[in-house]
PDB file of N, CA and C in Angstrom:
ATOM      1  N   UNK A   1      -6.697  18.989 -14.537  1.00  0.00           N
ATOM      2  CA  UNK A   1      -7.819  18.081 -14.448  1.00  0.00           C
ATOM      3  C   UNK A   1      -7.617  17.152 -13.255  1.00  0.00           C
ATOM      4  N   UNK A   2      -8.547  17.158 -12.278  1.00  0.00           N
ATOM      5  CA  UNK A   2      -8.405  16.254 -11.140  1.00  0.00           C
ATOM      6  C   UNK A   2      -8.601  14.805 -11.572  1.00  0.00           C
ATOM      7  N   UNK A   3      -7.952  13.895 -10.880  1.00  0.00           N
ATOM      8  CA  UNK A   3      -8.052  12.477 -11.193  1.00  0.00           C
ATOM      9  C   UNK A   3      -8.555  11.694  -9.994  1.00  0.00           C
ATOM     10  N   UNK A   4      -9.141  10.550 -10.268  1.00  0.00           N
ATOM     11  CA  UNK A   4      -9.623   9.644  -9.242  1.00  0.00           C
ATOM     12  C   UNK A   4      -8.672   8.454  -9.202  1.00  0.00           C
ATOM     13  N   UNK A   5      -8.097   8.143  -8.048  1.00  0.00           N
ATOM     14  CA  UNK A   5      -7.203   6.976  -7.999  1.00  0.00           C
ATOM     15  C   UNK A   5      -8.000   5.690  -8.195  1.00  0.00           C
ATOM     16  N   UNK A   6      -7.367   4.704  -8.788  1.00  0.00           N
ATOM     17  CA  UNK A   6      -8.014   3.407  -8.948  1.00  0.00           C
ATOM     18  C   UNK A   6      -6.998   2.300  -8.810  1.00  0.00           C
ATOM     19  N   UNK A   7      -7.505   1.101  -8.610  1.00  0.00           N
ATOM     20  CA  UNK A   7      -6.668  -0.078  -8.549  1.00  0.00           C
ATOM     21  C   UNK A   7      -7.461  -1.190  -9.218  1.00  0.00           C
ATOM     22  N   UNK A   8      -6.805  -2.023 -10.006  1.00  0.00           N
ATOM     23  CA  UNK A   8      -7.528  -3.060 -10.722  1.00  0.00           C
ATOM     24  C   UNK A   8      -6.811  -4.399 -10.703  1.00  0.00           C
ATOM     25  N   UNK A   9      -7.600  -5.473 -10.605  1.00  0.00           N
ATOM     26  CA  UNK A   9      -7.076  -6.828 -10.609  1.00  0.00           C
ATOM     27  C   UNK A   9      -8.031  -7.705 -11.385  1.00  0.00           C
ATOM     28  N   UNK A  10      -7.500  -8.706 -12.074  1.00  0.00           N
ATOM     29  CA  UNK A  10      -8.334  -9.712 -12.704  1.00  0.00           C
ATOM     30  C   UNK A  10      -8.698 -10.777 -11.690  1.00  0.00           C
ATOM     31  N   UNK A  11      -9.799 -11.504 -11.948  1.00  0.00           N
ATOM     32  CA  UNK A  11     -10.231 -12.561 -11.023  1.00  0.00           C
ATOM     33  C   UNK A  11      -9.136 -13.586 -10.807  1.00  0.00           C
ATOM     34  N   UNK A  12      -8.419 -13.943 -11.864  1.00  0.00           N
ATOM     35  CA  UNK A  12      -7.355 -14.940 -11.732  1.00  0.00           C
ATOM     36  C   UNK A  12      -6.227 -14.442 -10.847  1.00  0.00           C
ATOM     37  N   UNK A  13      -5.974 -13.144 -10.869  1.00  0.00           N
ATOM     38  CA  UNK A  13      -4.929 -12.575 -10.014  1.00  0.00           C
ATOM     39  C   UNK A  13      -5.335 -12.639  -8.546  1.00  0.00           C
ATOM     40  N   UNK A  14      -6.593 -12.322  -8.243  1.00  0.00           N
ATOM     41  CA  UNK A  14      -7.067 -12.362  -6.852  1.00  0.00           C
ATOM     42  C   UNK A  14      -7.004 -13.778  -6.289  1.00  0.00           C
ATOM     43  N   UNK A  15      -7.361 -14.760  -7.096  1.00  0.00           N
ATOM     44  CA  UNK A  15      -7.348 -16.148  -6.623  1.00  0.00           C
ATOM     45  C   UNK A  15      -5.953 -16.586  -6.199  1.00  0.00           C
ATOM     46  N   UNK A  16      -4.919 -16.046  -6.832  1.00  0.00           N
ATOM     47  CA  UNK A  16      -3.534 -16.433  -6.547  1.00  0.00           C
ATOM     48  C   UNK A  16      -2.949 -15.719  -5.327  1.00  0.00           C
ATOM     49  N   UNK A  17      -3.593 -14.640  -4.885  1.00  0.00           N
ATOM     50  CA  UNK A  17      -3.068 -13.859  -3.760  1.00  0.00           C
ATOM     51  C   UNK A  17      -3.279 -14.588  -2.436  1.00  0.00           C
ATOM     52  N   UNK A  18      -2.385 -14.355  -1.496  1.00  0.00           N
ATOM     53  CA  UNK A  18      -2.485 -14.958  -0.164  1.00  0.00           C
ATOM     54  C   UNK A  18      -3.620 -14.309   0.623  1.00  0.00           C
ATOM     55  N   UNK A  19      -4.252 -15.071   1.519  1.00  0.00           N
ATOM     56  CA  UNK A  19      -5.285 -14.478   2.374  1.00  0.00           C
ATOM     57  C   UNK A  19      -4.682 -13.419   3.293  1.00  0.00           C
ATOM     58  N   UNK A  20      -5.473 -12.408   3.604  1.00  0.00           N
ATOM     59  CA  UNK A  20      -5.014 -11.363   4.514  1.00  0.00           C
ATOM     60  C   UNK A  20      -5.138 -11.881   5.948  1.00  0.00           C
ATOM     61  N   UNK A  21      -4.239 -11.478   6.801  1.00  0.00           N
ATOM     62  CA  UNK A  21      -4.297 -11.861   8.214  1.00  0.00           C
ATOM     63  C   UNK A  21      -5.033 -10.817   9.031  1.00  0.00           C
ATOM     64  N   UNK A  22      -4.893 -10.922  10.341  1.00  0.00           N
ATOM     65  CA  UNK A  22      -5.520  -9.939  11.229  1.00  0.00           C
ATOM     66  C   UNK A  22      -4.764  -8.624  11.242  1.00  0.00           C
ATOM     67  N   UNK A  23      -3.478  -8.669  10.870  1.00  0.00           N
ATOM     68  CA  UNK A  23      -2.672  -7.457  10.763  1.00  0.00           C
ATOM     69  C   UNK A  23      -2.012  -7.426   9.390  1.00  0.00           C
ATOM     70  N   UNK A  24      -1.575  -6.237   8.981  1.00  0.00           N
ATOM     71  CA  UNK A  24      -0.882  -6.075   7.703  1.00  0.00           C
ATOM     72  C   UNK A  24       0.150  -4.965   7.849  1.00  0.00           C
ATOM     73  N   UNK A  25       1.165  -5.030   7.012  1.00  0.00           N
ATOM     74  CA  UNK A  25       2.196  -3.993   7.010  1.00  0.00           C
ATOM     75  C   UNK A  25       1.632  -2.736   6.370  1.00  0.00           C
ATOM     76  N   UNK A  26       1.781  -1.627   7.042  1.00  0.00           N
ATOM     77  CA  UNK A  26       1.276  -0.342   6.572  1.00  0.00           C
ATOM     78  C   UNK A  26       2.143   0.179   5.423  1.00  0.00           C
ATOM     79  N   UNK A  27       1.522   0.509   4.280  1.00  0.00           N
ATOM     80  CA  UNK A  27       2.287   1.072   3.168  1.00  0.00           C
ATOM     81  C   UNK A  27       2.851   2.460   3.471  1.00  0.00           C
ATOM     82  N   UNK A  28       2.302   3.135   4.481  1.00  0.00           N
ATOM     83  CA  UNK A  28       2.758   4.479   4.820  1.00  0.00           C
ATOM     84  C   UNK A  28       3.966   4.503   5.728  1.00  0.00           C
ATOM     85  N   UNK A  29       3.930   3.697   6.812  1.00  0.00           N
ATOM     86  CA  UNK A  29       4.999   3.763   7.806  1.00  0.00           C
ATOM     87  C   UNK A  29       5.824   2.478   7.903  1.00  0.00           C
ATOM     88  N   UNK A  30       5.337   1.389   7.297  1.00  0.00           N
ATOM     89  CA  UNK A  30       6.073   0.131   7.337  1.00  0.00           C
ATOM     90  C   UNK A  30       5.842  -0.693   8.595  1.00  0.00           C
ATOM     91  N   UNK A  31       5.038  -0.187   9.538  1.00  0.00           N
ATOM     92  CA  UNK A  31       4.731  -0.906  10.780  1.00  0.00           C
ATOM     93  C   UNK A  31       3.524  -1.821  10.553  1.00  0.00           C
ATOM     94  N   UNK A  32       3.274  -2.714  11.492  1.00  0.00           N
ATOM     95  CA  UNK A  32       2.120  -3.604  11.421  1.00  0.00           C
ATOM     96  C   UNK A  32       0.928  -2.967  12.121  1.00  0.00           C
ATOM     97  N   UNK A  33      -0.236  -2.978  11.438  1.00  0.00           N
ATOM     98  CA  UNK A  33      -1.477  -2.439  12.004  1.00  0.00           C
ATOM     99  C   UNK A  33      -2.590  -3.462  11.827  1.00  0.00           C
ATOM    100  N   UNK A  34      -3.620  -3.361  12.647  1.00  0.00           N
ATOM    101  CA  UNK A  34      -4.791  -4.233  12.553  1.00  0.00           C
ATOM    102  C   UNK A  34      -5.561  -3.927  11.268  1.00  0.00           C
ATOM    103  N   UNK A  35      -5.955  -4.986  10.561  1.00  0.00           N
ATOM    104  CA  UNK A  35      -6.775  -4.823   9.357  1.00  0.00           C
ATOM    105  C   UNK A  35      -8.218  -4.584   9.799  1.00  0.00           C
ATOM    106  N   UNK A  36      -8.821  -3.526   9.280  1.00  0.00           N
ATOM    107  CA  UNK A  36     -10.202  -3.170   9.593  1.00  0.00           C
ATOM    108  C   UNK A  36     -11.026  -3.250   8.313  1.00  0.00           C
ATOM    109  N   UNK A  37     -12.342  -3.311   8.473  1.00  0.00           N
ATOM    110  CA  UNK A  37     -13.242  -3.422   7.334  1.00  0.00           C
ATOM    111  C   UNK A  37     -14.392  -2.442   7.490  1.00  0.00           C
ATOM    112  N   UNK A  38     -14.984  -2.084   6.373  1.00  0.00           N
ATOM    113  CA  UNK A  38     -16.160  -1.222   6.387  1.00  0.00           C
ATOM    114  C   UNK A  38     -17.427  -2.051   6.369  1.00  0.00           C
ATOM    115  N   UNK A  39     -18.552  -1.395   6.220  1.00  0.00           N
ATOM    116  CA  UNK A  39     -19.849  -2.051   6.146  1.00  0.00           C
ATOM    117  C   UNK A  39     -20.425  -1.915   4.747  1.00  0.00           C
ATOM    118  N   UNK A  40     -21.220  -2.883   4.365  1.00  0.00           N
ATOM    119  CA  UNK A  40     -22.004  -2.778   3.139  1.00  0.00           C
ATOM    120  C   UNK A  40     -23.304  -2.083   3.516  1.00  0.00           C
ATOM    121  N   UNK A  41     -23.691  -1.072   2.757  1.00  0.00           N
ATOM    122  CA  UNK A  41     -24.943  -0.371   3.018  1.00  0.00           C
ATOM    123  C   UNK A  41     -25.985  -0.914   2.037  1.00  0.00           C
ATOM    124  N   UNK A  42     -27.019  -1.523   2.580  1.00  0.00           N
ATOM    125  CA  UNK A  42     -28.095  -2.092   1.769  1.00  0.00           C
ATOM    126  C   UNK A  42     -28.996  -0.981   1.227  1.00  0.00           C
ATOM    127  N   UNK A  43     -29.834  -1.326   0.249  1.00  0.00           N
ATOM    128  CA  UNK A  43     -30.737  -0.346  -0.360  1.00  0.00           C
ATOM    129  C   UNK A  43     -31.656   0.316   0.657  1.00  0.00           C
ATOM    130  N   UNK A  44     -32.019  -0.418   1.707  1.00  0.00           N
ATOM    131  CA  UNK A  44     -32.909   0.145   2.724  1.00  0.00           C
ATOM    132  C   UNK A  44     -32.157   0.971   3.768  1.00  0.00           C
ATOM    133  N   UNK A  45     -30.834   1.104   3.584  1.00  0.00           N
ATOM    134  CA  UNK A  45     -30.032   1.920   4.494  1.00  0.00           C
ATOM    135  C   UNK A  45     -29.388   1.153   5.632  1.00  0.00           C
ATOM    136  N   UNK A  46     -29.754  -0.108   5.805  1.00  0.00           N
ATOM    137  CA  UNK A  46     -29.141  -0.894   6.871  1.00  0.00           C
ATOM    138  C   UNK A  46     -27.704  -1.249   6.498  1.00  0.00           C
ATOM    139  N   UNK A  47     -26.904  -1.433   7.513  1.00  0.00           N
ATOM    140  CA  UNK A  47     -25.490  -1.754   7.311  1.00  0.00           C
ATOM    141  C   UNK A  47     -25.215  -3.172   7.793  1.00  0.00           C
ATOM    142  N   UNK A  48     -24.411  -3.897   7.015  1.00  0.00           N
ATOM    143  CA  UNK A  48     -23.978  -5.239   7.405  1.00  0.00           C
ATOM    144  C   UNK A  48     -22.464  -5.311   7.232  1.00  0.00           C
ATOM    145  N   UNK A  49     -21.785  -6.049   8.106  1.00  0.00           N
ATOM    146  CA  UNK A  49     -20.330  -6.156   7.979  1.00  0.00           C
ATOM    147  C   UNK A  49     -19.931  -6.718   6.607  1.00  0.00           C
ATOM    148  N   UNK A  50     -18.842  -6.218   6.074  1.00  0.00           N
ATOM    149  CA  UNK A  50     -18.338  -6.673   4.778  1.00  0.00           C
ATOM    150  C   UNK A  50     -16.825  -6.806   4.840  1.00  0.00           C
ATOM    151  N   UNK A  51     -16.299  -7.850   4.231  1.00  0.00           N
ATOM    152  CA  UNK A  51     -14.851  -8.031   4.165  1.00  0.00           C
ATOM    153  C   UNK A  51     -14.352  -7.790   2.742  1.00  0.00           C
ATOM    154  N   UNK A  52     -15.112  -7.015   1.960  1.00  0.00           N
ATOM    155  CA  UNK A  52     -14.718  -6.729   0.589  1.00  0.00           C
ATOM    156  C   UNK A  52     -13.442  -5.891   0.545  1.00  0.00           C
ATOM    157  N   UNK A  53     -13.392  -4.815   1.309  1.00  0.00           N
ATOM    158  CA  UNK A  53     -12.226  -3.933   1.336  1.00  0.00           C
ATOM    159  C   UNK A  53     -11.623  -3.920   2.731  1.00  0.00           C
ATOM    160  N   UNK A  54     -10.354  -4.305   2.855  1.00  0.00           N
ATOM    161  CA  UNK A  54      -9.650  -4.274   4.125  1.00  0.00           C
ATOM    162  C   UNK A  54      -8.649  -3.134   4.125  1.00  0.00           C
ATOM    163  N   UNK A  55      -8.552  -2.444   5.223  1.00  0.00           N
ATOM    164  CA  UNK A  55      -7.646  -1.300   5.303  1.00  0.00           C
ATOM    165  C   UNK A  55      -6.951  -1.270   6.649  1.00  0.00           C
ATOM    166  N   UNK A  56      -5.835  -0.556   6.704  1.00  0.00           N
ATOM    167  CA  UNK A  56      -5.184  -0.261   7.974  1.00  0.00           C
ATOM    168  C   UNK A  56      -5.253   1.241   8.185  1.00  0.00           C
ATOM    169  N   UNK A  57      -5.352   1.632   9.435  1.00  0.00           N
ATOM    170  CA  UNK A  57      -5.391   3.044   9.801  1.00  0.00           C
ATOM    171  C   UNK A  57      -4.052   3.416  10.402  1.00  0.00           C
ATOM    172  N   UNK A  58      -3.423   4.437   9.855  1.00  0.00           N
ATOM    173  CA  UNK A  58      -2.138   4.934  10.343  1.00  0.00           C
ATOM    174  C   UNK A  58      -2.321   6.422  10.614  1.00  0.00           C
ATOM    175  N   UNK A  59      -2.437   6.769  11.879  1.00  0.00           N
ATOM    176  CA  UNK A  59      -2.764   8.157  12.213  1.00  0.00           C
ATOM    177  C   UNK A  59      -4.169   8.444  11.713  1.00  0.00           C
ATOM    178  N   UNK A  60      -4.307   9.445  10.862  1.00  0.00           N
ATOM    179  CA  UNK A  60      -5.602   9.800  10.282  1.00  0.00           C
ATOM    180  C   UNK A  60      -5.754   9.273   8.850  1.00  0.00           C
ATOM    181  N   UNK A  61      -4.792   8.502   8.378  1.00  0.00           N
ATOM    182  CA  UNK A  61      -4.791   8.023   7.000  1.00  0.00           C
ATOM    183  C   UNK A  61      -5.184   6.552   6.940  1.00  0.00           C
ATOM    184  N   UNK A  62      -6.000   6.195   5.949  1.00  0.00           N
ATOM    185  CA  UNK A  62      -6.391   4.807   5.708  1.00  0.00           C
ATOM    186  C   UNK A  62      -5.655   4.296   4.476  1.00  0.00           C
ATOM    187  N   UNK A  63      -5.155   3.064   4.545  1.00  0.00           N
ATOM    188  CA  UNK A  63      -4.472   2.426   3.420  1.00  0.00           C
ATOM    189  C   UNK A  63      -5.174   1.122   3.072  1.00  0.00           C
ATOM    190  N   UNK A  64      -5.541   0.949   1.808  1.00  0.00           N
ATOM    191  CA  UNK A  64      -6.153  -0.278   1.338  1.00  0.00           C
ATOM    192  C   UNK A  64      -5.102  -1.380   1.329  1.00  0.00           C
ATOM    193  N   UNK A  65      -5.379  -2.499   2.019  1.00  0.00           N
ATOM    194  CA  UNK A  65      -4.411  -3.592   2.109  1.00  0.00           C
ATOM    195  C   UNK A  65      -4.996  -4.947   1.722  1.00  0.00           C
ATOM    196  N   UNK A  66      -6.334  -5.005   1.531  1.00  0.00           N
ATOM    197  CA  UNK A  66      -6.953  -6.289   1.208  1.00  0.00           C
ATOM    198  C   UNK A  66      -8.177  -6.080   0.324  1.00  0.00           C
ATOM    199  N   UNK A  67      -8.398  -7.043  -0.544  1.00  0.00           N
ATOM    200  CA  UNK A  67      -9.541  -7.016  -1.443  1.00  0.00           C
ATOM    201  C   UNK A  67     -10.145  -8.416  -1.473  1.00  0.00           C
ATOM    202  N   UNK A  68     -11.403  -8.524  -1.077  1.00  0.00           N
ATOM    203  CA  UNK A  68     -12.072  -9.816  -1.069  1.00  0.00           C
ATOM    204  C   UNK A  68     -11.383 -10.854  -0.205  1.00  0.00           C
ATOM    205  N   UNK A  69     -10.782 -10.416   0.900  1.00  0.00           N
ATOM    206  CA  UNK A  69     -10.101 -11.337   1.807  1.00  0.00           C
ATOM    207  C   UNK A  69      -8.684 -11.692   1.392  1.00  0.00           C
ATOM    208  N   UNK A  70      -8.204 -11.109   0.298  1.00  0.00           N
ATOM    209  CA  UNK A  70      -6.854 -11.389  -0.196  1.00  0.00           C
ATOM    210  C   UNK A  70      -5.948 -10.195   0.072  1.00  0.00           C
ATOM    211  N   UNK A  71      -4.709 -10.486   0.499  1.00  0.00           N
ATOM    212  CA  UNK A  71      -3.747  -9.432   0.840  1.00  0.00           C
ATOM    213  C   UNK A  71      -3.178  -8.803  -0.426  1.00  0.00           C
ATOM    214  N   UNK A  72      -3.162  -7.487  -0.461  1.00  0.00           N
ATOM    215  CA  UNK A  72      -2.531  -6.756  -1.557  1.00  0.00           C
ATOM    216  C   UNK A  72      -1.071  -6.535  -1.194  1.00  0.00           C
ATOM    217  N   UNK A  73      -0.172  -6.777  -2.135  1.00  0.00           N
ATOM    218  CA  UNK A  73       1.248  -6.546  -1.872  1.00  0.00           C
ATOM    219  C   UNK A  73       1.550  -5.087  -2.194  1.00  0.00           C
ATOM    220  N   UNK A  74       1.726  -4.288  -1.142  1.00  0.00           N
ATOM    221  CA  UNK A  74       2.009  -2.865  -1.316  1.00  0.00           C
ATOM    222  C   UNK A  74       3.231  -2.525  -0.484  1.00  0.00           C
ATOM    223  N   UNK A  75       4.297  -2.118  -1.155  1.00  0.00           N
ATOM    224  CA  UNK A  75       5.519  -1.732  -0.459  1.00  0.00           C
ATOM    225  C   UNK A  75       5.344  -0.352   0.151  1.00  0.00           C
ATOM    226  N   UNK A  76       6.142  -0.060   1.149  1.00  0.00           N
ATOM    227  CA  UNK A  76       6.071   1.237   1.818  1.00  0.00           C
ATOM    228  C   UNK A  76       6.176   2.361   0.793  1.00  0.00           C
ATOM    229  N   UNK A  77       5.149   3.229   0.787  1.00  0.00           N
ATOM    230  CA  UNK A  77       5.079   4.399  -0.093  1.00  0.00           C
ATOM    231  C   UNK A  77       5.151   4.052  -1.571  1.00  0.00           C
ATOM    232  N   UNK A  78       4.802   2.797  -1.957  1.00  0.00           N
ATOM    233  CA  UNK A  78       4.880   2.409  -3.366  1.00  0.00           C
ATOM    234  C   UNK A  78       3.847   1.326  -3.667  1.00  0.00           C
ATOM    235  N   UNK A  79       2.628   1.731  -4.093  1.00  0.00           N
ATOM    236  CA  UNK A  79       1.637   0.713  -4.422  1.00  0.00           C
ATOM    237  C   UNK A  79       2.099  -0.146  -5.585  1.00  0.00           C
ATOM    238  N   UNK A  80       1.733  -1.440  -5.552  1.00  0.00           N
ATOM    239  CA  UNK A  80       2.158  -2.353  -6.611  1.00  0.00           C
ATOM    240  C   UNK A  80       1.380  -2.146  -7.894  1.00  0.00           C
ATOM    241  N   UNK A  81       0.121  -1.789  -7.780  1.00  0.00           N
ATOM    242  CA  UNK A  81      -0.719  -1.542  -8.947  1.00  0.00           C
ATOM    243  C   UNK A  81      -1.545  -0.309  -8.642  1.00  0.00           C
ATOM    244  N   UNK A  82      -1.458   0.695  -9.490  1.00  0.00           N
ATOM    245  CA  UNK A  82      -2.263   1.880  -9.258  1.00  0.00           C
ATOM    246  C   UNK A  82      -2.337   2.704 -10.521  1.00  0.00           C
ATOM    247  N   UNK A  83      -3.145   3.708 -10.475  1.00  0.00           N
ATOM    248  CA  UNK A  83      -3.281   4.618 -11.597  1.00  0.00           C
ATOM    249  C   UNK A  83      -4.319   5.648 -11.240  1.00  0.00           C
ATOM    250  N   UNK A  84      -4.811   6.354 -12.246  1.00  0.00           N
ATOM    251  CA  UNK A  84      -5.863   7.320 -11.986  1.00  0.00           C
ATOM    252  C   UNK A  84      -6.731   7.446 -13.223  1.00  0.00           C
ATOM    253  N   UNK A  85      -7.969   7.782 -13.005  1.00  0.00           N
ATOM    254  CA  UNK A  85      -8.896   8.005 -14.095  1.00  0.00           C
ATOM    255  C   UNK A  85      -9.494   9.386 -13.916  1.00  0.00           C
ATOM    256  N   UNK A  86      -9.834  10.060 -15.005  1.00  0.00           N
ATOM    257  CA  UNK A  86     -10.424  11.398 -14.861  1.00  0.00           C
ATOM    258  C   UNK A  86     -11.834  11.305 -14.285  1.00  0.00           C
ATOM    259  N   UNK A  87     -12.233  12.340 -13.559  1.00  0.00           N
ATOM    260  CA  UNK A  87     -13.594  12.406 -13.064  1.00  0.00           C
ATOM    261  C   UNK A  87     -14.547  12.534 -14.245  1.00  0.00           C
ATOM    262  N   UNK A  88     -15.760  12.032 -14.091  1.00  0.00           N
ATOM    263  CA  UNK A  88     -16.734  12.033 -15.181  1.00  0.00           C
ATOM    264  C   UNK A  88     -16.952  13.432 -15.752  1.00  0.00           C
ATOM    265  N   UNK A  89     -17.018  14.436 -14.887  1.00  0.00           N
ATOM    266  CA  UNK A  89     -17.274  15.793 -15.370  1.00  0.00           C
ATOM    267  C   UNK A  89     -16.093  16.380 -16.148  1.00  0.00           C
ATOM    268  N   UNK A  90     -14.928  15.743 -16.068  1.00  0.00           N
ATOM    269  CA  UNK A  90     -13.763  16.222 -16.799  1.00  0.00           C
ATOM    270  C   UNK A  90     -13.613  15.564 -18.169  1.00  0.00           C
ATOM    271  N   UNK A  91     -14.475  14.613 -18.480  1.00  0.00           N
ATOM    272  CA  UNK A  91     -14.393  13.915 -19.756  1.00  0.00           C
ATOM    273  C   UNK A  91     -15.302  14.626 -20.758  1.00  0.00           C
ATOM    274  N   UNK A  92     -14.734  14.988 -21.904  1.00  0.00           N
ATOM    275  CA  UNK A  92     -15.525  15.662 -22.942  1.00  0.00           C
ATOM    276  C   UNK A  92     -16.525  14.681 -23.530  1.00  0.00           C
ATOM    277  N   UNK A  93     -17.774  15.129 -23.739  1.00  0.00           N
ATOM    278  CA  UNK A  93     -18.767  14.227 -24.336  1.00  0.00           C
ATOM    279  C   UNK A  93     -18.374  13.836 -25.760  1.00  0.00           C
ATOM    280  N   UNK A  94     -18.679  12.593 -26.135  1.00  0.00           N
ATOM    281  CA  UNK A  94     -18.341  12.150 -27.495  1.00  0.00           C
ATOM    282  C   UNK A  94     -19.381  12.668 -28.469  1.00  0.00           C
ATOM    283  N   UNK A  95     -18.952  12.908 -29.676  1.00  0.00           N
ATOM    284  CA  UNK A  95     -19.849  13.475 -30.699  1.00  0.00           C
ATOM    285  C   UNK A  95     -20.747  12.437 -31.307  1.00  0.00           C
TER     286      UNK A  95
END
């Protein structure tokens, strides 16, 4: 059964986290990379800058390093909080 990776934090946990800087340590290689952000896509299809999810690019791989402007503590090759959930189509319907 394929799984979908997830990460979860409570609001109180995010408030306690340090703000993310312009660079962050890459969880893949341990080097410092520029933090980049994606865009929010509005209902009409327009895109606006968003700082909801911050990531670093290492080669062709993206690593999540920030959430809501707060730095996630992720050690090299070892996320601090992670897990997986089954895809919706893999969940048996309830009776």
